[in-house]
């Protein structure tokens, strides 16, 4: 019986340490996964989790590639469609475009109505960011061709997009 008490104390210490680690330490990881999970690839989330200090308030000068894409004639299109139809078109368009961004390691910065803003090489390093930006743009155009082909067969309006790409210095960070 005298060996039971130290064993119970050891077991309780272990359980309390695990509970603390789960509640305090891993909650930060869960928060970061949830916050970034919809905007960056799982690989980038893992990189952020390895170095969460990279998200500190402020910014750093770095070479990035930025992409902007918008639907041509979107205002006219939105006037012709019901709100439900417009939301459906946007969801069918934005979902595969976002998937492409994540597959190529880009960061979905934001949607601005029908526009998409993407950053490559921030918040985490992406060594071939200018190439990745070009690949994303080309894949967007190819994906839109597939969507338009399907929409045309269904008698729905087809879309055109414009894509702008720029590589250069920027201040990137958590501001």
Protein backbone atom coordinates (compact mmCIF):
# COMPACT_ATOMS: atom_id res chain seq x y z
CA UNK A 1 0.00 0.00 0.00
CA UNK A 2 2.90 2.39 0.64
CA UNK A 3 3.82 2.20 -3.09
CA UNK A 4 0.28 3.14 -4.13
CA UNK A 5 0.42 6.75 -2.86
CA UNK A 6 3.51 7.78 -4.86
CA UNK A 7 2.02 6.04 -7.92
CA UNK A 8 -1.28 7.96 -7.52
CA UNK A 9 0.63 11.23 -7.04
CA UNK A 10 2.68 10.55 -10.18
CA UNK A 11 -0.43 9.64 -12.18
CA UNK A 12 -2.28 12.77 -11.03
CA UNK A 13 0.74 14.94 -11.84
CA UNK A 14 0.90 13.46 -15.33
CA UNK A 15 -2.83 13.95 -15.91
CA UNK A 16 -2.72 17.55 -14.70
CA UNK A 17 0.31 18.32 -16.88
CA UNK A 18 -1.47 16.83 -19.92
CA UNK A 19 -4.62 18.80 -19.14
CA UNK A 20 -2.60 22.02 -18.86
CA UNK A 21 -0.78 21.31 -22.13
CA UNK A 22 -4.04 20.55 -23.89
CA UNK A 23 -5.90 23.57 -22.56
CA UNK A 24 -3.17 26.22 -22.71
CA UNK A 25 -0.48 25.19 -25.16
CA UNK A 26 -2.55 23.39 -27.80
CA UNK A 27 -5.35 25.97 -27.70
CA UNK A 28 -2.98 28.41 -29.42
CA UNK A 29 -2.39 25.85 -32.16
CA UNK A 30 -6.11 25.20 -32.56
CA UNK A 31 -6.77 28.96 -32.77
CA UNK A 32 -4.14 29.40 -35.49
CA UNK A 33 -5.44 26.40 -37.46
CA UNK A 34 -8.97 27.76 -37.30
CA UNK A 35 -7.91 31.32 -38.14
CA UNK A 36 -5.79 30.38 -41.14
CA UNK A 37 -7.38 27.09 -42.24
CA UNK A 38 -9.67 28.71 -44.80
CA UNK A 39 -7.06 31.05 -46.26
CA UNK A 40 -3.83 29.12 -46.57
CA UNK A 41 -2.78 25.60 -47.42
CA UNK A 42 -2.34 23.02 -44.66
CA UNK A 43 1.42 23.18 -45.30
CA UNK A 44 1.44 26.92 -44.56
CA UNK A 45 -0.65 26.42 -41.43
CA UNK A 46 1.95 23.88 -40.25
CA UNK A 47 4.72 26.38 -40.98
CA UNK A 48 2.90 29.09 -38.99
CA UNK A 49 2.40 26.66 -36.09
CA UNK A 50 6.13 25.91 -36.07
CA UNK A 51 6.94 29.62 -35.88
CA UNK A 52 3.96 31.52 -34.38
CA UNK A 53 6.21 34.49 -33.56
CA UNK A 54 6.21 35.28 -37.29
CA UNK A 55 2.68 36.62 -36.70
CA UNK A 56 3.78 39.26 -34.21
CA UNK A 57 2.25 42.71 -34.56
CA UNK A 58 4.10 44.84 -37.07
CA UNK A 59 5.58 44.19 -40.42
CA UNK A 60 8.75 43.41 -42.29
CA UNK A 61 9.93 44.40 -45.73
CA UNK A 62 9.98 41.42 -48.05
CA UNK A 63 9.72 40.51 -51.71
CA UNK A 64 6.19 39.24 -52.45
CA UNK A 65 3.98 38.44 -55.40
CA UNK A 66 0.44 39.78 -55.32
CA UNK A 67 -2.44 38.72 -57.55
CA UNK A 68 -5.75 40.46 -58.08
CA UNK A 69 -8.52 38.92 -60.13
CA UNK A 70 -12.00 40.18 -60.86
CA UNK A 71 -14.93 39.21 -63.04
CA UNK A 72 -15.32 41.39 -66.14
CA UNK A 73 -18.75 43.07 -66.35
CA UNK A 74 -19.70 41.91 -62.88
CA UNK A 75 -21.93 44.92 -62.18
CA UNK A 76 -23.99 44.28 -65.33
CA UNK A 77 -24.18 40.58 -64.52
CA UNK A 78 -25.31 41.26 -60.95
CA UNK A 79 -28.14 43.47 -62.23
CA UNK A 80 -29.45 40.65 -64.46
CA UNK A 81 -29.41 37.86 -61.86
CA UNK A 82 -31.48 37.34 -58.73
CA UNK A 83 -29.53 37.55 -55.47
CA UNK A 84 -29.73 33.75 -55.10
CA UNK A 85 -28.43 33.18 -58.64
CA UNK A 86 -25.62 35.68 -58.09
CA UNK A 87 -24.51 33.99 -54.87
CA UNK A 88 -24.60 30.64 -56.64
CA UNK A 89 -22.41 31.92 -59.49
CA UNK A 90 -19.95 33.50 -57.06
CA UNK A 91 -19.71 30.34 -54.97
CA UNK A 92 -19.22 28.15 -58.04
CA UNK A 93 -16.51 30.52 -59.27
CA UNK A 94 -14.70 31.44 -56.04
CA UNK A 95 -14.52 27.91 -54.57
CA UNK A 96 -12.31 26.33 -57.27
CA UNK A 97 -10.24 29.52 -57.60
CA UNK A 98 -9.53 29.47 -53.87
CA UNK A 99 -8.65 25.78 -54.02
CA UNK A 100 -6.05 26.58 -56.69
CA UNK A 101 -4.51 29.27 -54.48
CA UNK A 102 -4.20 26.88 -51.55
CA UNK A 103 -2.80 24.06 -53.70
CA UNK A 104 -0.05 26.37 -54.97
CA UNK A 105 0.88 27.65 -51.49
CA UNK A 106 -0.56 31.15 -51.84
CA UNK A 107 -2.33 33.12 -49.14
CA UNK A 108 -5.91 34.17 -49.81
CA UNK A 109 -5.79 37.70 -48.46
CA UNK A 110 -9.43 38.60 -49.13
CA UNK A 111 -12.43 38.59 -51.39
CA UNK A 112 -13.61 42.01 -52.47
CA UNK A 113 -17.04 41.24 -53.91
CA UNK A 114 -16.17 39.34 -57.08
CA UNK A 115 -12.45 40.10 -56.76
CA UNK A 116 -9.81 37.87 -55.22
CA UNK A 117 -6.59 39.17 -53.63
CA UNK A 118 -3.76 36.67 -53.15
CA UNK A 119 -0.29 37.07 -51.68
CA UNK A 120 2.59 34.69 -52.29
CA UNK A 121 5.59 34.75 -49.91
CA UNK A 122 3.73 36.15 -46.91
CA UNK A 123 2.96 35.42 -44.14
CA UNK A 124 5.42 32.56 -44.60
CA UNK A 125 8.26 32.10 -47.07
CA UNK A 126 7.53 30.65 -50.50
CA UNK A 127 10.85 30.50 -52.33
CA UNK A 128 9.46 30.44 -55.89
CA UNK A 129 6.64 32.91 -55.21
CA UNK A 130 6.77 34.77 -58.54
CA UNK A 131 6.54 31.47 -60.44
CA UNK A 132 3.73 30.30 -58.16
CA UNK A 133 1.84 33.55 -58.80
CA UNK A 134 2.02 32.96 -62.55
CA UNK A 135 0.94 29.34 -62.13
CA UNK A 136 -2.06 30.44 -60.06
CA UNK A 137 -3.10 32.96 -62.72
CA UNK A 138 -2.78 30.41 -65.54
CA UNK A 139 -4.69 27.79 -63.57
CA UNK A 140 -7.45 30.34 -62.85
CA UNK A 141 -7.88 30.99 -66.57
CA UNK A 142 -7.91 27.26 -67.37
CA UNK A 143 -10.41 26.55 -64.58
CA UNK A 144 -12.69 29.35 -65.79
CA UNK A 145 -12.67 27.81 -69.29
CA UNK A 146 -14.00 24.55 -67.77
CA UNK A 147 -16.63 26.40 -65.74
CA UNK A 148 -17.73 28.43 -68.77
CA UNK A 149 -18.03 25.30 -70.88
CA UNK A 150 -20.36 23.75 -68.30
CA UNK A 151 -22.34 26.97 -67.76
CA UNK A 152 -22.80 27.47 -71.50
CA UNK A 153 -24.25 23.94 -71.82
CA UNK A 154 -26.62 24.77 -68.95
CA UNK A 155 -27.70 28.04 -70.64
CA UNK A 156 -26.12 30.16 -67.91
CA UNK A 157 -24.02 33.28 -68.43
CA UNK A 158 -20.30 32.76 -69.04
CA UNK A 159 -17.67 34.83 -67.27
CA UNK A 160 -14.48 36.59 -68.22
CA UNK A 161 -11.82 37.56 -65.70
CA UNK A 162 -8.89 39.91 -65.52
CA UNK A 163 -5.81 39.00 -63.53
CA UNK A 164 -3.09 41.38 -62.39
CA UNK A 165 0.23 40.14 -60.99
CA UNK A 166 3.03 42.14 -59.42
CA UNK A 167 6.23 41.10 -57.70
CA UNK A 168 8.17 43.55 -55.56
CA UNK A 169 8.95 44.82 -52.10
CA UNK A 170 6.14 45.28 -49.60
CA UNK A 171 5.73 45.57 -45.88
CA UNK A 172 4.03 42.33 -44.87
CA UNK A 173 2.90 41.32 -41.44
CA UNK A 174 0.19 41.31 -38.83
CA UNK A 175 -1.10 44.90 -38.69
